[in-house]
N, C-alpha and C. Protein backbone atom coordinates (compact mmCIF):
# COMPACT_ATOMS: atom_id res chain seq x y z
N MET A 1 -10.42 -16.04 2.34
CA MET A 1 -10.10 -17.23 1.74
C MET A 1 -9.88 -18.46 2.84
N ALA A 2 -10.26 -19.65 2.22
CA ALA A 2 -10.63 -20.58 3.37
C ALA A 2 -9.10 -21.32 3.26
N THR A 3 -8.92 -21.39 4.34
CA THR A 3 -7.56 -22.66 4.83
C THR A 3 -7.91 -23.88 4.28
N LYS A 4 -6.66 -24.45 3.58
CA LYS A 4 -6.83 -25.51 2.82
C LYS A 4 -5.97 -26.70 4.11
N SER A 5 -5.01 -26.46 4.67
CA SER A 5 -4.65 -27.44 5.56
C SER A 5 -5.31 -27.44 6.81
N GLU A 6 -4.85 -28.57 7.48
CA GLU A 6 -5.46 -29.35 8.49
C GLU A 6 -4.95 -29.18 9.71
N ASN A 7 -5.46 -29.25 11.00
CA ASN A 7 -4.70 -29.48 11.95
C ASN A 7 -3.57 -28.26 12.41
N ILE A 8 -4.33 -27.14 12.20
CA ILE A 8 -3.50 -25.68 12.45
C ILE A 8 -4.13 -25.16 13.62
N PHE A 9 -3.06 -24.48 14.55
CA PHE A 9 -3.57 -24.23 15.74
C PHE A 9 -2.83 -22.64 16.13
N THR A 10 -3.35 -21.75 16.37
CA THR A 10 -2.86 -20.35 16.77
C THR A 10 -2.20 -20.50 17.85
N VAL A 11 -0.78 -19.94 17.83
CA VAL A 11 0.35 -19.78 18.66
C VAL A 11 0.15 -18.56 19.27
N ALA A 12 -0.08 -18.33 20.40
CA ALA A 12 -0.17 -16.94 21.49
C ALA A 12 0.89 -16.18 21.51
N HIS A 13 1.60 -15.09 21.11
CA HIS A 13 2.66 -14.43 21.27
C HIS A 13 2.87 -13.95 22.81
N ARG A 14 3.65 -13.62 23.11
CA ARG A 14 3.82 -13.37 24.56
C ARG A 14 4.50 -11.85 24.74
N VAL A 15 4.37 -11.28 23.77
CA VAL A 15 4.50 -9.53 23.58
C VAL A 15 3.17 -9.16 23.28
N SER A 16 2.88 -8.85 24.10
CA SER A 16 1.41 -7.88 23.64
C SER A 16 1.70 -6.53 22.80
N GLN A 17 0.51 -6.49 22.07
CA GLN A 17 0.50 -5.15 21.23
C GLN A 17 0.79 -3.77 22.07
N GLU A 18 0.06 -3.87 23.15
CA GLU A 18 0.33 -2.73 24.09
C GLU A 18 1.69 -2.50 24.38
N ASP A 19 2.50 -3.66 24.74
CA ASP A 19 3.72 -3.61 25.13
C ASP A 19 4.78 -2.87 23.71
N ARG A 20 4.57 -3.54 22.73
CA ARG A 20 5.01 -2.76 21.43
C ARG A 20 4.74 -1.20 20.91
N VAL A 21 3.49 -0.97 21.50
CA VAL A 21 2.93 0.38 20.98
C VAL A 21 4.03 1.08 22.20
N LYS A 22 4.07 1.17 23.19
CA LYS A 22 4.96 1.56 24.37
C LYS A 22 6.31 1.74 23.86
N ALA A 23 7.02 0.24 23.50
CA ALA A 23 8.42 0.52 23.11
C ALA A 23 8.53 1.05 22.20
N ASN A 24 7.43 1.25 20.62
CA ASN A 24 7.70 1.94 19.67
C ASN A 24 7.26 3.61 19.68
N ARG A 25 6.51 3.80 20.66
CA ARG A 25 6.38 5.15 20.90
C ARG A 25 4.74 5.18 19.72
N HIS A 26 4.55 4.35 19.07
CA HIS A 26 3.53 4.26 17.79
C HIS A 26 2.75 3.17 17.87
N ARG A 27 1.46 3.25 17.14
CA ARG A 27 0.74 2.05 17.06
C ARG A 27 1.29 1.57 15.47
N GLY A 28 1.09 0.07 15.33
CA GLY A 28 1.25 -0.44 14.04
C GLY A 28 0.26 -0.09 13.10
N GLY A 29 0.32 -0.03 11.69
CA GLY A 29 -0.67 0.19 10.87
C GLY A 29 0.01 -0.04 9.63
N ILE A 30 -1.33 -0.17 8.46
CA ILE A 30 -0.92 0.11 6.97
C ILE A 30 -1.28 1.02 6.20
N LEU A 31 -0.62 1.70 5.82
CA LEU A 31 -0.92 3.09 4.62
C LEU A 31 -0.88 2.12 3.33
N TRP A 32 -1.99 1.94 2.77
CA TRP A 32 -2.08 1.31 1.45
C TRP A 32 -2.28 2.51 0.70
N PHE A 33 -1.18 2.60 -0.32
CA PHE A 33 -1.32 3.54 -1.55
C PHE A 33 -1.78 3.08 -2.41
N THR A 34 -2.84 3.56 -3.30
CA THR A 34 -3.41 3.11 -4.64
C THR A 34 -3.44 3.89 -5.51
N GLY A 35 -3.36 3.62 -6.91
CA GLY A 35 -3.18 4.75 -7.86
C GLY A 35 -2.80 4.58 -9.11
N LEU A 36 -3.03 5.09 -10.11
CA LEU A 36 -2.41 4.53 -11.46
C LEU A 36 -0.66 4.54 -11.45
N SER A 37 -0.28 3.67 -12.35
CA SER A 37 1.20 3.74 -12.65
C SER A 37 1.42 5.28 -13.00
N GLY A 38 2.83 5.68 -12.61
CA GLY A 38 3.21 7.11 -12.85
C GLY A 38 2.34 8.15 -11.82
N ALA A 39 1.29 7.74 -10.93
CA ALA A 39 0.81 8.71 -9.83
C ALA A 39 1.68 9.18 -8.93
N GLY A 40 2.75 8.39 -8.73
CA GLY A 40 3.84 8.88 -7.62
C GLY A 40 3.46 7.79 -6.24
N LYS A 41 3.15 6.83 -6.73
CA LYS A 41 2.94 5.73 -5.15
C LYS A 41 4.35 5.45 -4.54
N SER A 42 5.23 5.18 -5.56
CA SER A 42 6.57 4.61 -4.89
C SER A 42 7.59 6.06 -4.66
N THR A 43 7.43 6.83 -5.43
CA THR A 43 7.89 8.03 -4.74
C THR A 43 7.74 8.38 -3.42
N LEU A 44 6.57 8.56 -3.22
CA LEU A 44 5.92 9.03 -1.97
C LEU A 44 6.29 8.19 -1.04
N ALA A 45 6.11 6.80 -1.16
CA ALA A 45 6.44 5.90 -0.28
C ALA A 45 7.67 5.61 0.46
N ILE A 46 8.70 5.76 -0.64
CA ILE A 46 10.12 5.84 -0.36
C ILE A 46 10.66 6.88 0.49
N ASP A 47 10.00 8.16 0.12
CA ASP A 47 10.12 9.31 1.05
C ASP A 47 9.69 9.22 2.06
N LEU A 48 8.59 8.82 2.13
CA LEU A 48 7.85 8.60 3.66
C LEU A 48 8.37 7.97 4.68
N GLU A 49 8.97 6.82 4.02
CA GLU A 49 9.86 6.14 4.64
C GLU A 49 10.66 6.37 5.24
N ARG A 50 11.67 7.32 4.82
CA ARG A 50 12.66 7.73 4.99
C ARG A 50 12.27 8.76 6.15
N ALA A 51 11.43 9.60 5.88
CA ALA A 51 11.37 10.72 6.65
C ALA A 51 10.80 10.00 8.23
N LEU A 52 9.82 9.00 8.28
CA LEU A 52 9.62 8.38 9.40
C LEU A 52 10.59 7.67 10.31
N PHE A 53 11.45 6.91 9.33
CA PHE A 53 12.58 6.57 10.13
C PHE A 53 13.32 7.57 10.57
N ALA A 54 13.51 8.79 9.99
CA ALA A 54 14.53 9.56 10.81
C ALA A 54 13.66 10.37 12.20
N GLU A 55 12.41 9.88 11.93
CA GLU A 55 11.60 10.47 13.45
C GLU A 55 11.48 9.02 14.23
N ARG A 56 12.08 7.99 14.08
CA ARG A 56 12.53 6.66 14.93
C ARG A 56 11.04 6.29 14.91
N TYR A 57 10.39 6.22 13.78
CA TYR A 57 9.31 4.90 13.86
C TYR A 57 10.05 3.94 13.36
N GLN A 58 9.25 2.80 13.42
CA GLN A 58 9.47 1.08 13.02
C GLN A 58 8.66 1.29 11.60
N VAL A 59 9.49 1.21 10.18
CA VAL A 59 8.78 1.71 8.87
C VAL A 59 9.21 0.77 8.29
N TYR A 60 8.51 0.26 7.22
CA TYR A 60 8.94 -0.55 6.19
C TYR A 60 7.97 -0.27 4.80
N THR A 61 8.33 -0.05 3.43
CA THR A 61 7.77 -0.01 2.25
C THR A 61 7.83 -1.55 1.59
N LEU A 62 6.40 -1.71 1.59
CA LEU A 62 6.40 -2.85 0.49
C LEU A 62 5.91 -2.28 -0.92
N ASP A 63 7.07 -2.31 -2.06
CA ASP A 63 6.52 -1.67 -3.24
C ASP A 63 6.33 -3.08 -4.32
N GLY A 64 5.32 -2.60 -5.10
CA GLY A 64 5.09 -3.55 -6.44
C GLY A 64 5.84 -4.22 -6.84
N ASP A 65 6.94 -3.51 -7.49
CA ASP A 65 7.77 -4.46 -8.26
C ASP A 65 8.57 -5.19 -7.51
N ASN A 66 9.01 -5.09 -6.21
CA ASN A 66 9.92 -5.69 -5.71
C ASN A 66 9.32 -6.85 -5.10
N VAL A 67 7.94 -6.43 -4.77
CA VAL A 67 6.93 -7.97 -4.28
C VAL A 67 7.19 -8.93 -5.57
N ARG A 68 7.11 -8.43 -6.61
CA ARG A 68 6.69 -9.41 -7.82
C ARG A 68 8.29 -10.15 -8.08
N GLN A 69 9.08 -9.46 -7.79
CA GLN A 69 10.28 -10.28 -7.80
C GLN A 69 10.63 -11.40 -7.05
N GLY A 70 9.65 -11.43 -5.86
CA GLY A 70 9.89 -12.51 -4.93
C GLY A 70 8.66 -13.60 -4.42
N LEU A 71 7.64 -12.77 -3.31
CA LEU A 71 6.83 -13.48 -2.95
C LEU A 71 5.57 -13.44 -3.81
N SER A 72 5.76 -12.62 -5.06
CA SER A 72 4.56 -13.01 -6.33
C SER A 72 5.14 -13.17 -7.59
N ALA A 73 6.48 -13.87 -7.44
CA ALA A 73 7.01 -13.86 -8.84
C ALA A 73 6.52 -14.76 -9.77
N ASP A 74 5.46 -15.81 -9.24
CA ASP A 74 4.40 -16.62 -10.03
C ASP A 74 3.51 -16.05 -10.32
N LEU A 75 3.13 -14.74 -10.17
CA LEU A 75 1.94 -14.24 -10.63
C LEU A 75 1.83 -13.37 -11.92
N GLY A 76 1.02 -13.35 -12.87
CA GLY A 76 1.05 -12.31 -14.18
C GLY A 76 0.07 -11.22 -13.40
N PHE A 77 -0.60 -10.77 -14.45
CA PHE A 77 -1.51 -9.45 -14.58
C PHE A 77 -2.82 -9.79 -15.02
N SER A 78 -3.31 -10.70 -14.83
CA SER A 78 -4.87 -11.54 -14.90
C SER A 78 -5.26 -10.65 -14.02
N PRO A 79 -6.83 -10.44 -14.07
CA PRO A 79 -7.59 -10.27 -12.69
C PRO A 79 -7.49 -11.06 -11.68
N GLU A 80 -7.26 -12.44 -11.88
CA GLU A 80 -7.12 -13.27 -10.75
C GLU A 80 -5.98 -13.45 -10.20
N ASP A 81 -4.53 -13.17 -11.28
CA ASP A 81 -3.66 -12.90 -10.65
C ASP A 81 -3.19 -11.92 -9.79
N ARG A 82 -3.64 -10.52 -10.28
CA ARG A 82 -3.88 -9.32 -9.22
C ARG A 82 -4.25 -9.53 -8.10
N ALA A 83 -5.48 -10.39 -7.95
CA ALA A 83 -6.29 -10.37 -6.47
C ALA A 83 -5.28 -11.02 -6.03
N GLU A 84 -4.85 -12.21 -6.07
CA GLU A 84 -4.21 -13.01 -5.57
C GLU A 84 -2.84 -12.54 -4.80
N ASN A 85 -2.20 -11.55 -5.88
CA ASN A 85 -0.69 -10.73 -5.46
C ASN A 85 -1.50 -9.68 -4.47
N ILE A 86 -2.40 -9.17 -4.36
CA ILE A 86 -2.79 -8.06 -3.19
C ILE A 86 -3.21 -8.89 -1.96
N ARG A 87 -3.83 -10.11 -2.18
CA ARG A 87 -4.28 -10.83 -1.27
C ARG A 87 -3.22 -11.00 -0.39
N ARG A 88 -2.14 -11.80 -0.91
CA ARG A 88 -0.71 -11.99 0.20
C ARG A 88 -0.17 -10.50 0.60
N VAL A 89 0.02 -9.64 -0.49
CA VAL A 89 0.51 -8.40 0.35
C VAL A 89 -0.03 -7.96 1.62
N GLY A 90 -1.45 -7.70 1.35
CA GLY A 90 -2.28 -7.73 2.28
C GLY A 90 -2.02 -8.41 3.71
N GLU A 91 -1.82 -10.07 3.73
CA GLU A 91 -1.48 -10.35 4.73
C GLU A 91 -0.29 -10.28 5.30
N VAL A 92 0.98 -9.86 4.48
CA VAL A 92 2.08 -9.54 5.01
C VAL A 92 2.29 -8.34 5.87
N ALA A 93 1.39 -7.43 4.66
CA ALA A 93 1.45 -5.98 5.50
C ALA A 93 0.55 -6.22 6.79
N ALA A 94 -0.18 -6.98 7.48
CA ALA A 94 -0.60 -7.15 8.45
C ALA A 94 0.06 -7.84 9.57
N LEU A 95 0.84 -8.47 9.19
CA LEU A 95 1.84 -9.13 9.76
C LEU A 95 2.83 -7.88 10.47
N PHE A 96 3.39 -7.18 9.56
CA PHE A 96 4.20 -5.81 9.81
C PHE A 96 3.74 -5.40 10.80
N ALA A 97 1.95 -4.85 10.74
CA ALA A 97 1.96 -3.92 11.61
C ALA A 97 1.13 -4.44 12.99
N GLU A 98 1.14 -6.07 12.77
CA GLU A 98 0.90 -6.35 14.28
C GLU A 98 2.40 -6.70 14.74
N ALA A 99 3.37 -6.38 14.18
CA ALA A 99 4.55 -6.36 15.00
C ALA A 99 5.03 -4.98 15.51
N GLY A 100 4.14 -4.28 15.07
CA GLY A 100 4.06 -2.77 15.59
C GLY A 100 4.54 -1.90 14.43
N PHE A 101 4.94 -2.19 13.05
CA PHE A 101 5.28 -1.48 12.11
C PHE A 101 4.63 -0.43 11.48
N VAL A 102 4.78 0.57 11.27
CA VAL A 102 3.72 1.45 9.98
C VAL A 102 4.41 0.65 8.88
N VAL A 103 3.56 -0.26 8.02
CA VAL A 103 4.00 -0.54 6.89
C VAL A 103 3.19 0.38 5.43
N ILE A 104 4.31 0.51 4.63
CA ILE A 104 3.41 1.33 3.27
C ILE A 104 3.49 0.61 2.40
N THR A 105 2.14 0.27 1.65
CA THR A 105 2.29 -0.50 0.68
C THR A 105 2.24 0.56 -1.10
N ALA A 106 2.85 0.26 -1.62
CA ALA A 106 2.78 0.87 -3.04
C ALA A 106 2.24 0.26 -4.13
N PHE A 107 1.20 -0.13 -4.24
CA PHE A 107 0.72 -1.10 -5.50
C PHE A 107 -0.57 -0.64 -6.15
N ILE A 108 -0.59 -0.36 -7.37
CA ILE A 108 -1.56 -0.12 -8.02
C ILE A 108 -3.13 -0.46 -7.48
N SER A 109 -3.15 -1.75 -7.25
CA SER A 109 -4.24 -2.70 -6.57
C SER A 109 -5.67 -2.10 -7.26
N PRO A 110 -5.62 -2.22 -8.77
CA PRO A 110 -6.87 -1.38 -9.56
C PRO A 110 -8.22 -1.76 -9.04
N TYR A 111 -8.52 -2.97 -8.25
CA TYR A 111 -9.97 -3.22 -8.11
C TYR A 111 -10.35 -3.26 -6.73
N ARG A 112 -11.57 -2.38 -6.49
CA ARG A 112 -11.96 -2.09 -5.13
C ARG A 112 -12.16 -3.24 -4.50
N ALA A 113 -13.06 -4.14 -4.78
CA ALA A 113 -12.73 -5.44 -4.04
C ALA A 113 -11.93 -5.90 -3.51
N ASP A 114 -10.82 -6.07 -4.20
CA ASP A 114 -9.38 -6.38 -3.53
C ASP A 114 -8.84 -5.74 -2.17
N ARG A 115 -9.39 -4.29 -2.42
CA ARG A 115 -8.40 -3.60 -1.17
C ARG A 115 -9.59 -3.63 -0.18
N GLU A 116 -11.04 -3.65 -0.32
CA GLU A 116 -11.99 -3.75 0.61
C GLU A 116 -11.96 -4.98 1.48
N ARG A 117 -11.33 -5.93 0.57
CA ARG A 117 -11.28 -7.36 1.23
C ARG A 117 -10.03 -7.43 2.06
N ILE A 118 -9.11 -6.49 2.24
CA ILE A 118 -8.10 -6.33 2.63
C ILE A 118 -8.71 -5.43 4.06
N ARG A 119 -9.21 -4.63 3.92
CA ARG A 119 -9.77 -3.48 5.08
C ARG A 119 -10.50 -4.49 5.69
N ALA A 120 -11.49 -5.41 4.92
CA ALA A 120 -12.43 -6.09 6.24
C ALA A 120 -11.88 -6.89 7.07
N ALA A 121 -10.29 -7.88 6.24
CA ALA A 121 -9.66 -8.94 7.11
C ALA A 121 -8.67 -8.02 8.28
N HIS A 122 -8.61 -6.67 7.91
CA HIS A 122 -7.85 -5.97 8.78
C HIS A 122 -8.23 -4.76 9.16
N PRO A 123 -9.28 -4.58 9.71
CA PRO A 123 -9.99 -2.95 9.75
C PRO A 123 -9.42 -2.22 10.84
N LYS A 124 -8.63 -2.97 11.99
CA LYS A 124 -7.61 -2.02 12.91
C LYS A 124 -6.37 -1.37 12.24
N TYR A 125 -6.26 -1.93 11.07
CA TYR A 125 -4.66 -1.30 10.51
C TYR A 125 -4.89 -1.03 9.54
N PHE A 126 -5.98 -1.08 8.50
CA PHE A 126 -5.90 -0.60 7.26
C PHE A 126 -6.45 1.14 6.56
N ASN A 127 -5.42 1.71 6.02
CA ASN A 127 -5.74 3.32 5.82
C ASN A 127 -5.68 3.27 4.30
N GLU A 128 -6.47 3.40 3.69
CA GLU A 128 -6.59 3.55 2.00
C GLU A 128 -6.16 4.93 1.59
N ILE A 129 -4.99 4.84 0.83
CA ILE A 129 -4.61 6.29 0.67
C ILE A 129 -4.48 6.84 -0.73
N PHE A 130 -5.29 7.43 -1.47
CA PHE A 130 -5.56 7.28 -2.77
C PHE A 130 -4.52 8.31 -3.44
N ILE A 131 -3.72 7.93 -4.16
CA ILE A 131 -2.38 8.78 -4.93
C ILE A 131 -2.94 9.16 -6.42
N ASN A 132 -3.61 10.15 -6.01
CA ASN A 132 -4.68 10.40 -7.49
C ASN A 132 -3.61 11.66 -8.52
N ALA A 133 -3.80 10.96 -9.87
CA ALA A 133 -2.99 11.69 -10.70
C ALA A 133 -3.78 11.44 -11.86
N PRO A 134 -4.30 12.45 -12.79
CA PRO A 134 -5.27 11.98 -14.11
C PRO A 134 -4.14 11.05 -15.05
N LEU A 135 -5.03 10.36 -15.66
CA LEU A 135 -4.13 9.42 -16.50
C LEU A 135 -3.45 9.90 -17.50
N GLU A 136 -3.66 11.38 -18.36
CA GLU A 136 -2.82 12.05 -19.41
C GLU A 136 -1.46 12.42 -18.16
N VAL A 137 -1.67 13.09 -16.96
CA VAL A 137 -0.26 13.23 -16.33
C VAL A 137 0.23 12.09 -15.91
N CYS A 138 -0.27 10.97 -15.73
CA CYS A 138 0.45 9.67 -15.51
C CYS A 138 1.39 9.30 -16.86
N GLU A 139 0.74 9.50 -17.75
CA GLU A 139 1.27 9.05 -19.01
C GLU A 139 2.36 9.89 -19.80
N ALA A 140 2.22 11.20 -19.30
CA ALA A 140 3.37 12.50 -19.69
C ALA A 140 4.83 11.91 -18.78
N ARG A 141 4.35 11.55 -17.76
CA ARG A 141 5.45 11.18 -16.85
C ARG A 141 6.15 9.82 -17.37
N ASP A 142 5.59 8.80 -17.28
CA ASP A 142 5.92 7.58 -18.05
C ASP A 142 7.32 7.29 -17.78
N SER A 143 7.76 7.49 -16.64
CA SER A 143 9.31 7.25 -16.36
C SER A 143 9.80 5.84 -16.69
N LYS A 144 9.24 4.79 -16.92
CA LYS A 144 9.35 3.47 -17.19
C LYS A 144 8.78 3.33 -18.62
N GLY A 145 8.37 4.00 -19.35
CA GLY A 145 8.23 3.57 -20.65
C GLY A 145 6.95 2.69 -20.69
N LEU A 146 5.94 2.39 -19.83
CA LEU A 146 5.09 1.35 -19.72
C LEU A 146 4.27 1.91 -20.77
N TYR A 147 3.16 3.35 -20.43
CA TYR A 147 2.35 3.43 -21.18
C TYR A 147 2.75 3.30 -22.45
N ARG A 148 3.82 3.81 -22.90
CA ARG A 148 4.25 3.73 -24.56
C ARG A 148 3.93 2.33 -25.05
N ARG A 149 4.53 1.51 -24.19
CA ARG A 149 4.46 0.21 -24.41
C ARG A 149 2.94 -0.73 -24.89
N ALA A 150 2.37 -0.05 -23.68
CA ALA A 150 0.87 -0.51 -23.72
C ALA A 150 0.36 0.10 -24.99
N ARG A 151 0.38 1.42 -25.16
CA ARG A 151 -0.30 2.09 -26.07
C ARG A 151 0.07 1.18 -27.21
N ALA A 152 1.12 0.81 -27.37
CA ALA A 152 1.77 0.14 -28.68
C ALA A 152 1.18 -1.56 -28.74
N GLY A 153 0.49 -1.79 -27.84
CA GLY A 153 0.00 -3.13 -27.78
C GLY A 153 0.82 -4.50 -27.24
N GLU A 154 1.93 -3.80 -26.53
CA GLU A 154 3.10 -4.69 -26.01
C GLU A 154 2.83 -5.08 -24.86
N LEU A 155 2.22 -4.28 -23.93
CA LEU A 155 1.51 -4.85 -22.57
C LEU A 155 0.28 -5.24 -22.76
N LYS A 156 -0.23 -6.44 -22.37
CA LYS A 156 -1.36 -6.78 -22.09
C LYS A 156 -1.89 -6.35 -20.69
N GLU A 157 -3.36 -6.02 -20.66
CA GLU A 157 -3.84 -5.96 -19.65
C GLU A 157 -3.24 -4.76 -18.65
N PHE A 158 -2.94 -3.82 -19.34
CA PHE A 158 -2.13 -2.51 -18.63
C PHE A 158 -3.34 -1.69 -17.74
N THR A 159 -3.04 -1.29 -16.68
CA THR A 159 -4.05 -0.51 -16.14
C THR A 159 -4.19 0.80 -16.44
N GLY A 160 -5.47 1.37 -16.87
CA GLY A 160 -5.74 2.69 -17.44
C GLY A 160 -5.82 2.64 -18.95
N VAL A 161 -5.23 1.46 -19.67
CA VAL A 161 -4.99 1.72 -21.14
C VAL A 161 -5.79 0.33 -21.50
N SER A 162 -5.33 -0.88 -21.12
CA SER A 162 -6.20 -1.87 -21.53
C SER A 162 -6.75 -2.53 -20.38
N ALA A 163 -6.75 -2.30 -19.42
CA ALA A 163 -7.65 -3.13 -17.92
C ALA A 163 -8.18 -1.50 -17.20
N PRO A 164 -8.91 -1.99 -16.15
CA PRO A 164 -9.68 -1.23 -15.55
C PRO A 164 -9.05 -0.32 -14.28
N TYR A 165 -9.16 1.03 -13.79
CA TYR A 165 -9.04 1.23 -12.76
C TYR A 165 -10.07 1.54 -11.66
N GLU A 166 -10.45 1.04 -10.49
CA GLU A 166 -11.51 1.63 -9.86
C GLU A 166 -10.96 2.47 -8.96
N PRO A 167 -11.26 3.56 -8.80
CA PRO A 167 -10.76 4.48 -7.52
C PRO A 167 -11.41 4.34 -6.33
N PRO A 168 -10.93 4.79 -5.03
CA PRO A 168 -11.55 4.49 -4.08
C PRO A 168 -12.80 5.33 -3.86
N LEU A 169 -13.77 4.41 -2.90
CA LEU A 169 -14.52 5.63 -3.03
C LEU A 169 -14.83 6.55 -1.73
N ALA A 170 -14.16 6.17 -0.43
CA ALA A 170 -13.82 6.79 0.65
C ALA A 170 -12.72 6.82 1.08
N PRO A 171 -11.55 7.08 0.62
CA PRO A 171 -10.24 6.72 1.03
C PRO A 171 -10.06 7.68 2.71
N GLU A 172 -9.34 7.21 3.51
CA GLU A 172 -8.98 7.84 4.41
C GLU A 172 -8.05 8.96 4.15
N LEU A 173 -7.35 9.13 3.09
CA LEU A 173 -6.62 10.28 2.53
C LEU A 173 -6.57 9.94 1.21
N GLU A 174 -6.57 11.41 0.38
CA GLU A 174 -6.39 11.29 -1.17
C GLU A 174 -5.20 12.89 -1.40
N LEU A 175 -4.37 12.13 -2.23
CA LEU A 175 -3.33 13.15 -2.60
C LEU A 175 -3.17 13.45 -3.91
N ARG A 176 -3.80 14.63 -4.54
CA ARG A 176 -3.71 15.19 -5.66
C ARG A 176 -2.21 15.52 -6.31
N THR A 177 -1.21 14.56 -6.57
CA THR A 177 -0.16 14.66 -7.06
C THR A 177 0.14 15.43 -8.37
N ALA A 178 -0.76 15.80 -9.20
CA ALA A 178 -0.41 16.54 -10.29
C ALA A 178 -0.43 18.12 -9.81
N GLU A 179 -1.20 18.26 -8.59
CA GLU A 179 -1.38 19.85 -7.92
C GLU A 179 -0.39 19.91 -6.80
N LYS A 180 0.26 19.03 -6.26
CA LYS A 180 1.40 19.64 -5.07
C LYS A 180 2.50 19.03 -5.34
N PRO A 181 3.50 19.58 -4.92
CA PRO A 181 5.10 18.81 -5.05
C PRO A 181 4.99 18.09 -3.89
N VAL A 182 6.05 17.12 -4.28
CA VAL A 182 6.41 15.82 -3.55
C VAL A 182 6.30 15.92 -2.23
N GLN A 183 7.18 17.12 -1.76
CA GLN A 183 7.30 17.44 -0.15
C GLN A 183 6.06 17.77 0.29
N ALA A 184 5.31 18.70 -0.02
CA ALA A 184 4.06 18.84 0.35
C ALA A 184 3.24 17.90 0.53
N CYS A 185 3.09 16.71 -0.09
CA CYS A 185 2.60 15.33 -0.01
C CYS A 185 3.05 14.48 0.87
N VAL A 186 4.39 14.52 1.21
CA VAL A 186 4.98 13.80 2.18
C VAL A 186 4.75 14.49 3.69
N ASP A 187 4.58 16.12 3.47
CA ASP A 187 4.37 16.44 4.76
C ASP A 187 2.84 16.34 5.48
N GLU A 188 2.00 15.90 4.37
CA GLU A 188 0.44 15.67 4.67
C GLU A 188 0.47 14.21 5.08
N LEU A 189 1.43 13.13 4.82
CA LEU A 189 1.32 11.85 4.66
C LEU A 189 1.93 11.94 6.68
N ILE A 190 2.99 12.63 6.73
CA ILE A 190 3.73 12.82 7.90
C ILE A 190 2.65 12.86 8.99
N ALA A 191 1.72 14.26 8.58
CA ALA A 191 0.33 14.47 9.67
C ALA A 191 -0.29 13.50 9.76
N PHE A 192 -0.82 12.70 8.77
CA PHE A 192 -1.68 11.75 8.86
C PHE A 192 -1.09 10.64 9.93
N VAL A 193 0.08 10.27 10.06
CA VAL A 193 0.73 9.38 10.39
C VAL A 193 0.63 9.90 12.03
N GLU A 194 0.92 11.06 12.15
CA GLU A 194 0.78 11.36 13.51
C GLU A 194 -0.61 11.73 14.13
N ARG A 195 -1.29 11.72 13.38
CA ARG A 195 -3.04 11.88 13.93
C ARG A 195 -3.49 10.29 14.18
N ARG A 196 -2.78 9.43 13.50
CA ARG A 196 -3.74 8.27 13.46
C ARG A 196 -2.63 6.98 14.22
N LEU A 197 -1.71 7.33 14.13
CA LEU A 197 -0.55 6.36 14.79
C LEU A 197 0.33 6.59 15.82
N SER A 198 0.23 7.94 16.40
CA SER A 198 0.94 8.41 17.44
C SER A 198 0.69 7.63 18.78
N PHE A 199 1.70 7.51 19.48
CA PHE A 199 1.44 6.88 20.70
C PHE A 199 0.61 7.72 21.91
N GLU A 200 0.62 9.16 21.57
CA GLU A 200 -0.16 9.67 22.29
C GLU A 200 -1.98 9.62 21.82
N GLY A 201 -2.05 9.22 20.13
CA GLY A 201 -3.68 8.92 19.77
C GLY A 201 -4.26 7.61 20.54
N GLY A 202 -3.67 7.26 21.39
CA GLY A 202 -4.10 6.07 22.08
C GLY A 202 -3.81 4.62 21.73
N TYR A 203 -4.37 3.51 22.25
CA TYR A 203 -4.14 2.51 21.65
C TYR A 203 -5.93 1.90 21.04
């Protein structure tokens, strides 16, 4: 996205990323969870955040519903608003990662182009994680009653019902949450973080 503001100058930090890695004992990174509503993104994100924090990781979760109460409170669910929501979240997540955090994002983020735009802007940090559950499983879960309302026509542009979901083509990790219990998925995520972001993995 082109910057509209003029007279903008980059301010250099005096804390290097190498110093942050040494202090934290891990690299910063973005774990971008994507999948249908009800696939398990928020559940896994919050459980993973707790598990990593217990292991002394600097970690924070950005959740779709939470972000839409503040940062993106002015946005709806049109394709254009979805794209802007994901752009904002991608930039915030990158700031967290630059600060040395492992940031977990839990967003449907249905459009492949929007996710790839974040990858292209922040390739050093971005890890796409497909939280994969079939639509019928997500509908059966429907803990928030959203699918029921979407099927009744009460919710417009609802992903999987009246709006598309474009699954990742080559995610860094795929978790089939209809086939594995939550803890098994969390364990797989922890192992992924240790491989990708541990201090021993290099800078």
